[in-house]
């Protein structure tokens, strides 16, 4: 039965604990042979597991990149189709309005020019700064770069401190 990477790492930690225990007769050739065989088998199995895992990670990342690229390509094609449809709709609307028509029945469609529903649009003709405060939205965001500069300069920023960098697994 093949061991999982967790089982292999548990075995390696158990060997490490055994070696750190100190109750081992290091001169006994049988003890040396058992420890050597145990360590060699687990190291080889662990290396194989890590290699296979790295290959699978690499394959998934490559597949994800390919799928993102294909999605980007398909999205661009969809946007082109949408732009073409909107342009043709605007052209058809222009012709309807020029001819004074508001409806045409075809064998497959009923095409008409109608007023849009919903709320009446608001047109703002001045910059936001010139509007009353109750008519503008203001969004406050954290400026991490400014906080970092102050902390690096030794200043105190209430509620802020440097954190620890996280770790990551790199496969080359």
C-alpha atoms as a PDB file:
ATOM      1  CA  UNK A   1       0.000   0.000   0.000  1.00  0.00           C
ATOM      2  CA  UNK A   2       1.335   3.417  -0.974  1.00  0.00           C
ATOM      3  CA  UNK A   3       1.550   5.976   1.790  1.00  0.00           C
ATOM      4  CA  UNK A   4       0.120   9.456   1.539  1.00  0.00           C
ATOM      5  CA  UNK A   5       2.419  12.435   1.892  1.00  0.00           C
ATOM      6  CA  UNK A   6       0.899  13.052   5.354  1.00  0.00           C
ATOM      7  CA  UNK A   7       1.689   9.474   6.409  1.00  0.00           C
ATOM      8  CA  UNK A   8       5.238   9.798   5.093  1.00  0.00           C
ATOM      9  CA  UNK A   9       5.775  13.088   6.920  1.00  0.00           C
ATOM     10  CA  UNK A  10       4.343  11.527  10.114  1.00  0.00           C
ATOM     11  CA  UNK A  11       6.805   8.628   9.749  1.00  0.00           C
ATOM     12  CA  UNK A  12       9.686  11.036   9.197  1.00  0.00           C
ATOM     13  CA  UNK A  13       8.683  13.036  12.295  1.00  0.00           C
ATOM     14  CA  UNK A  14       8.399   9.803  14.306  1.00  0.00           C
ATOM     15  CA  UNK A  15      11.936   8.848  13.246  1.00  0.00           C
ATOM     16  CA  UNK A  16      13.130  12.317  14.206  1.00  0.00           C
ATOM     17  CA  UNK A  17      11.481  11.940  17.642  1.00  0.00           C
ATOM     18  CA  UNK A  18      13.037   8.485  18.052  1.00  0.00           C
ATOM     19  CA  UNK A  19      16.477   9.814  17.200  1.00  0.00           C
ATOM     20  CA  UNK A  20      16.039  12.765  19.577  1.00  0.00           C
ATOM     21  CA  UNK A  21      14.929  10.448  22.410  1.00  0.00           C
ATOM     22  CA  UNK A  22      18.475   9.377  23.267  1.00  0.00           C
ATOM     23  CA  UNK A  23      17.704   5.761  24.368  1.00  0.00           C
ATOM     24  CA  UNK A  24      19.141   4.257  21.190  1.00  0.00           C
ATOM     25  CA  UNK A  25      22.201   2.035  21.076  1.00  0.00           C
ATOM     26  CA  UNK A  26      23.874   3.746  18.137  1.00  0.00           C
ATOM     27  CA  UNK A  27      26.619   1.120  17.982  1.00  0.00           C
ATOM     28  CA  UNK A  28      24.163  -1.740  17.352  1.00  0.00           C
ATOM     29  CA  UNK A  29      24.451  -2.583  13.602  1.00  0.00           C
ATOM     30  CA  UNK A  30      20.841  -3.811  13.545  1.00  0.00           C
ATOM     31  CA  UNK A  31      19.570  -0.443  14.913  1.00  0.00           C
ATOM     32  CA  UNK A  32      21.711   1.410  12.370  1.00  0.00           C
ATOM     33  CA  UNK A  33      20.368  -0.756   9.526  1.00  0.00           C
ATOM     34  CA  UNK A  34      16.711  -0.276  10.589  1.00  0.00           C
ATOM     35  CA  UNK A  35      17.069   3.482  10.960  1.00  0.00           C
ATOM     36  CA  UNK A  36      18.924   3.782   7.667  1.00  0.00           C
ATOM     37  CA  UNK A  37      16.326   1.672   5.791  1.00  0.00           C
ATOM     38  CA  UNK A  38      13.428   3.566   7.396  1.00  0.00           C
ATOM     39  CA  UNK A  39      14.888   6.965   6.551  1.00  0.00           C
ATOM     40  CA  UNK A  40      15.842   5.948   3.004  1.00  0.00           C
ATOM     41  CA  UNK A  41      12.434   4.451   2.181  1.00  0.00           C
ATOM     42  CA  UNK A  42      10.533   7.430   3.559  1.00  0.00           C
ATOM     43  CA  UNK A  43      12.844   9.985   1.950  1.00  0.00           C
ATOM     44  CA  UNK A  44      12.466   8.320  -1.455  1.00  0.00           C
ATOM     45  CA  UNK A  45       8.683   8.031  -1.063  1.00  0.00           C
ATOM     46  CA  UNK A  46       8.469  11.633   0.139  1.00  0.00           C
ATOM     47  CA  UNK A  47      10.556  12.870  -2.796  1.00  0.00           C
ATOM     48  CA  UNK A  48       8.332  10.959  -5.236  1.00  0.00           C
ATOM     49  CA  UNK A  49       5.178  12.391  -3.611  1.00  0.00           C
ATOM     50  CA  UNK A  50       6.561  15.929  -3.732  1.00  0.00           C
ATOM     51  CA  UNK A  51       7.632  15.485  -7.370  1.00  0.00           C
ATOM     52  CA  UNK A  52       4.201  14.136  -8.367  1.00  0.00           C
ATOM     53  CA  UNK A  53       2.426  16.886  -6.428  1.00  0.00           C
ATOM     54  CA  UNK A  54       4.586  19.573  -8.052  1.00  0.00           C
ATOM     55  CA  UNK A  55       3.840  18.100 -11.492  1.00  0.00           C
ATOM     56  CA  UNK A  56       0.101  18.135 -10.770  1.00  0.00           C
ATOM     57  CA  UNK A  57       0.251  21.724  -9.479  1.00  0.00           C
ATOM     58  CA  UNK A  58       2.171  22.742 -12.589  1.00  0.00           C
ATOM     59  CA  UNK A  59      -0.373  21.011 -14.839  1.00  0.00           C
ATOM     60  CA  UNK A  60      -3.309  22.691 -13.085  1.00  0.00           C
ATOM     61  CA  UNK A  61      -1.661  26.117 -13.248  1.00  0.00           C
ATOM     62  CA  UNK A  62      -0.901  25.661 -16.954  1.00  0.00           C
ATOM     63  CA  UNK A  63      -4.473  24.515 -17.598  1.00  0.00           C
ATOM     64  CA  UNK A  64      -5.827  27.486 -15.636  1.00  0.00           C
ATOM     65  CA  UNK A  65      -3.660  29.885 -17.674  1.00  0.00           C
ATOM     66  CA  UNK A  66      -4.836  28.269 -20.908  1.00  0.00           C
ATOM     67  CA  UNK A  67      -8.480  28.466 -19.814  1.00  0.00           C
ATOM     68  CA  UNK A  68      -8.090  32.109 -18.751  1.00  0.00           C
ATOM     69  CA  UNK A  69      -6.542  32.880 -22.119  1.00  0.00           C
ATOM     70  CA  UNK A  70      -9.362  31.085 -23.941  1.00  0.00           C
ATOM     71  CA  UNK A  71     -11.948  32.830 -21.763  1.00  0.00           C
ATOM     72  CA  UNK A  72     -10.341  36.176 -22.612  1.00  0.00           C
ATOM     73  CA  UNK A  73     -10.434  35.301 -26.312  1.00  0.00           C
ATOM     74  CA  UNK A  74     -14.075  34.192 -26.102  1.00  0.00           C
ATOM     75  CA  UNK A  75     -14.985  37.291 -24.095  1.00  0.00           C
ATOM     76  CA  UNK A  76     -13.426  39.488 -26.787  1.00  0.00           C
ATOM     77  CA  UNK A  77     -15.423  37.643 -29.455  1.00  0.00           C
ATOM     78  CA  UNK A  78     -18.615  38.021 -27.405  1.00  0.00           C
ATOM     79  CA  UNK A  79     -17.916  41.740 -26.974  1.00  0.00           C
ATOM     80  CA  UNK A  80     -17.429  42.089 -30.732  1.00  0.00           C
ATOM     81  CA  UNK A  81     -20.763  40.350 -31.369  1.00  0.00           C
ATOM     82  CA  UNK A  82     -22.471  42.564 -28.796  1.00  0.00           C
ATOM     83  CA  UNK A  83     -20.946  45.722 -30.297  1.00  0.00           C
ATOM     84  CA  UNK A  84     -22.030  44.661 -33.802  1.00  0.00           C
ATOM     85  CA  UNK A  85     -25.578  43.961 -32.585  1.00  0.00           C
ATOM     86  CA  UNK A  86     -25.776  47.334 -30.804  1.00  0.00           C
ATOM     87  CA  UNK A  87     -24.432  49.181 -33.848  1.00  0.00           C
ATOM     88  CA  UNK A  88     -26.976  47.514 -36.119  1.00  0.00           C
ATOM     89  CA  UNK A  89     -29.771  48.280 -33.616  1.00  0.00           C
ATOM     90  CA  UNK A  90     -28.761  51.962 -33.571  1.00  0.00           C
ATOM     91  CA  UNK A  91     -28.601  52.017 -37.364  1.00  0.00           C
ATOM     92  CA  UNK A  92     -32.059  50.410 -37.625  1.00  0.00           C
ATOM     93  CA  UNK A  93     -33.465  52.849 -35.029  1.00  0.00           C
ATOM     94  CA  UNK A  94     -32.011  55.774 -37.026  1.00  0.00           C
ATOM     95  CA  UNK A  95     -33.717  54.511 -40.200  1.00  0.00           C
ATOM     96  CA  UNK A  96     -37.045  54.002 -38.388  1.00  0.00           C
ATOM     97  CA  UNK A  97     -36.892  57.544 -37.003  1.00  0.00           C
ATOM     98  CA  UNK A  98     -35.852  59.016 -40.384  1.00  0.00           C
ATOM     99  CA  UNK A  99     -38.797  57.282 -42.074  1.00  0.00           C
ATOM    100  CA  UNK A 100     -41.181  58.220 -39.262  1.00  0.00           C
ATOM    101  CA  UNK A 101     -41.939  54.547 -38.538  1.00  0.00           C
ATOM    102  CA  UNK A 102     -42.363  53.127 -35.077  1.00  0.00           C
ATOM    103  CA  UNK A 103     -43.148  49.484 -35.915  1.00  0.00           C
ATOM    104  CA  UNK A 104     -42.515  46.838 -38.580  1.00  0.00           C
ATOM    105  CA  UNK A 105     -43.928  43.305 -38.502  1.00  0.00           C
ATOM    106  CA  UNK A 106     -41.743  40.651 -40.179  1.00  0.00           C
ATOM    107  CA  UNK A 107     -42.403  36.908 -40.504  1.00  0.00           C
ATOM    108  CA  UNK A 108     -40.205  36.301 -37.447  1.00  0.00           C
ATOM    109  CA  UNK A 109     -40.122  39.537 -35.444  1.00  0.00           C
ATOM    110  CA  UNK A 110     -42.044  42.622 -34.425  1.00  0.00           C
ATOM    111  CA  UNK A 111     -39.520  45.479 -34.454  1.00  0.00           C
ATOM    112  CA  UNK A 112     -40.501  48.766 -32.855  1.00  0.00           C
ATOM    113  CA  UNK A 113     -39.045  52.009 -31.551  1.00  0.00           C
ATOM    114  CA  UNK A 114     -40.433  52.728 -28.075  1.00  0.00           C
ATOM    115  CA  UNK A 115     -39.738  55.039 -25.177  1.00  0.00           C
ATOM    116  CA  UNK A 116     -37.549  53.536 -22.486  1.00  0.00           C
ATOM    117  CA  UNK A 117     -39.174  52.806 -19.159  1.00  0.00           C
ATOM    118  CA  UNK A 118     -37.769  53.311 -15.720  1.00  0.00           C
ATOM    119  CA  UNK A 119     -36.781  56.468 -13.954  1.00  0.00           C
ATOM    120  CA  UNK A 120     -36.214  59.701 -15.848  1.00  0.00           C
ATOM    121  CA  UNK A 121     -32.469  60.227 -16.367  1.00  0.00           C
ATOM    122  CA  UNK A 122     -30.699  62.992 -14.442  1.00  0.00           C
ATOM    123  CA  UNK A 123     -28.177  65.061 -16.383  1.00  0.00           C
ATOM    124  CA  UNK A 124     -25.477  66.718 -14.241  1.00  0.00           C
ATOM    125  CA  UNK A 125     -23.891  69.687 -16.028  1.00  0.00           C
ATOM    126  CA  UNK A 126     -21.547  70.889 -13.255  1.00  0.00           C
ATOM    127  CA  UNK A 127     -18.573  69.272 -11.470  1.00  0.00           C
ATOM    128  CA  UNK A 128     -19.395  67.284  -8.310  1.00  0.00           C
ATOM    129  CA  UNK A 129     -17.593  69.912  -6.186  1.00  0.00           C
ATOM    130  CA  UNK A 130     -20.242  72.478  -7.109  1.00  0.00           C
ATOM    131  CA  UNK A 131     -23.150  70.331  -5.931  1.00  0.00           C
ATOM    132  CA  UNK A 132     -24.595  70.417  -2.393  1.00  0.00           C
ATOM    133  CA  UNK A 133     -22.940  67.921  -0.031  1.00  0.00           C
ATOM    134  CA  UNK A 134     -26.138  65.903   0.309  1.00  0.00           C
ATOM    135  CA  UNK A 135     -26.063  65.320  -3.479  1.00  0.00           C
ATOM    136  CA  UNK A 136     -22.603  63.732  -3.721  1.00  0.00           C
ATOM    137  CA  UNK A 137     -21.111  60.472  -2.517  1.00  0.00           C
ATOM    138  CA  UNK A 138     -17.741  60.411  -0.835  1.00  0.00           C
ATOM    139  CA  UNK A 139     -15.907  57.137  -0.307  1.00  0.00           C
ATOM    140  CA  UNK A 140     -13.098  56.983   2.237  1.00  0.00           C
ATOM    141  CA  UNK A 141     -10.446  54.323   1.631  1.00  0.00           C
ATOM    142  CA  UNK A 142      -7.319  53.288   3.485  1.00  0.00           C
ATOM    143  CA  UNK A 143      -4.035  54.558   2.035  1.00  0.00           C
ATOM    144  CA  UNK A 144      -1.737  51.637   2.937  1.00  0.00           C
ATOM    145  CA  UNK A 145       1.280  53.287   1.312  1.00  0.00           C
ATOM    146  CA  UNK A 146       0.944  56.405   3.493  1.00  0.00           C
ATOM    147  CA  UNK A 147       0.519  54.247   6.617  1.00  0.00           C
ATOM    148  CA  UNK A 148       3.589  52.178   5.654  1.00  0.00           C
ATOM    149  CA  UNK A 149       5.695  55.338   5.210  1.00  0.00           C
ATOM    150  CA  UNK A 150       4.669  56.649   8.626  1.00  0.00           C
ATOM    151  CA  UNK A 151       5.371  53.312  10.330  1.00  0.00           C
ATOM    152  CA  UNK A 152       8.731  53.024   8.567  1.00  0.00           C
ATOM    153  CA  UNK A 153       9.571  56.538   9.792  1.00  0.00           C
ATOM    154  CA  UNK A 154       8.842  55.394  13.349  1.00  0.00           C
ATOM    155  CA  UNK A 155       5.564  57.280  13.673  1.00  0.00           C
ATOM    156  CA  UNK A 156       2.554  55.748  15.403  1.00  0.00           C
ATOM    157  CA  UNK A 157      -0.675  55.322  13.463  1.00  0.00           C
ATOM    158  CA  UNK A 158      -3.586  54.392  15.749  1.00  0.00           C
ATOM    159  CA  UNK A 159      -4.855  50.890  14.987  1.00  0.00           C
ATOM    160  CA  UNK A 160      -2.035  50.106  12.552  1.00  0.00           C
ATOM    161  CA  UNK A 161       1.098  47.990  12.765  1.00  0.00           C
ATOM    162  CA  UNK A 162       3.327  45.916  10.527  1.00  0.00           C
ATOM    163  CA  UNK A 163       2.245  42.319  10.065  1.00  0.00           C
ATOM    164  CA  UNK A 164       4.250  39.200   9.310  1.00  0.00           C
ATOM    165  CA  UNK A 165       4.956  38.103   5.775  1.00  0.00           C
ATOM    166  CA  UNK A 166       3.205  34.912   4.821  1.00  0.00           C
ATOM    167  CA  UNK A 167       4.958  31.922   3.274  1.00  0.00           C
ATOM    168  CA  UNK A 168       4.374  30.326  -0.093  1.00  0.00           C
ATOM    169  CA  UNK A 169       5.386  27.197  -1.907  1.00  0.00           C
ATOM    170  CA  UNK A 170       7.471  27.805  -5.030  1.00  0.00           C
ATOM    171  CA  UNK A 171       7.937  25.250  -7.748  1.00  0.00           C
ATOM    172  CA  UNK A 172      10.702  25.812 -10.282  1.00  0.00           C
END
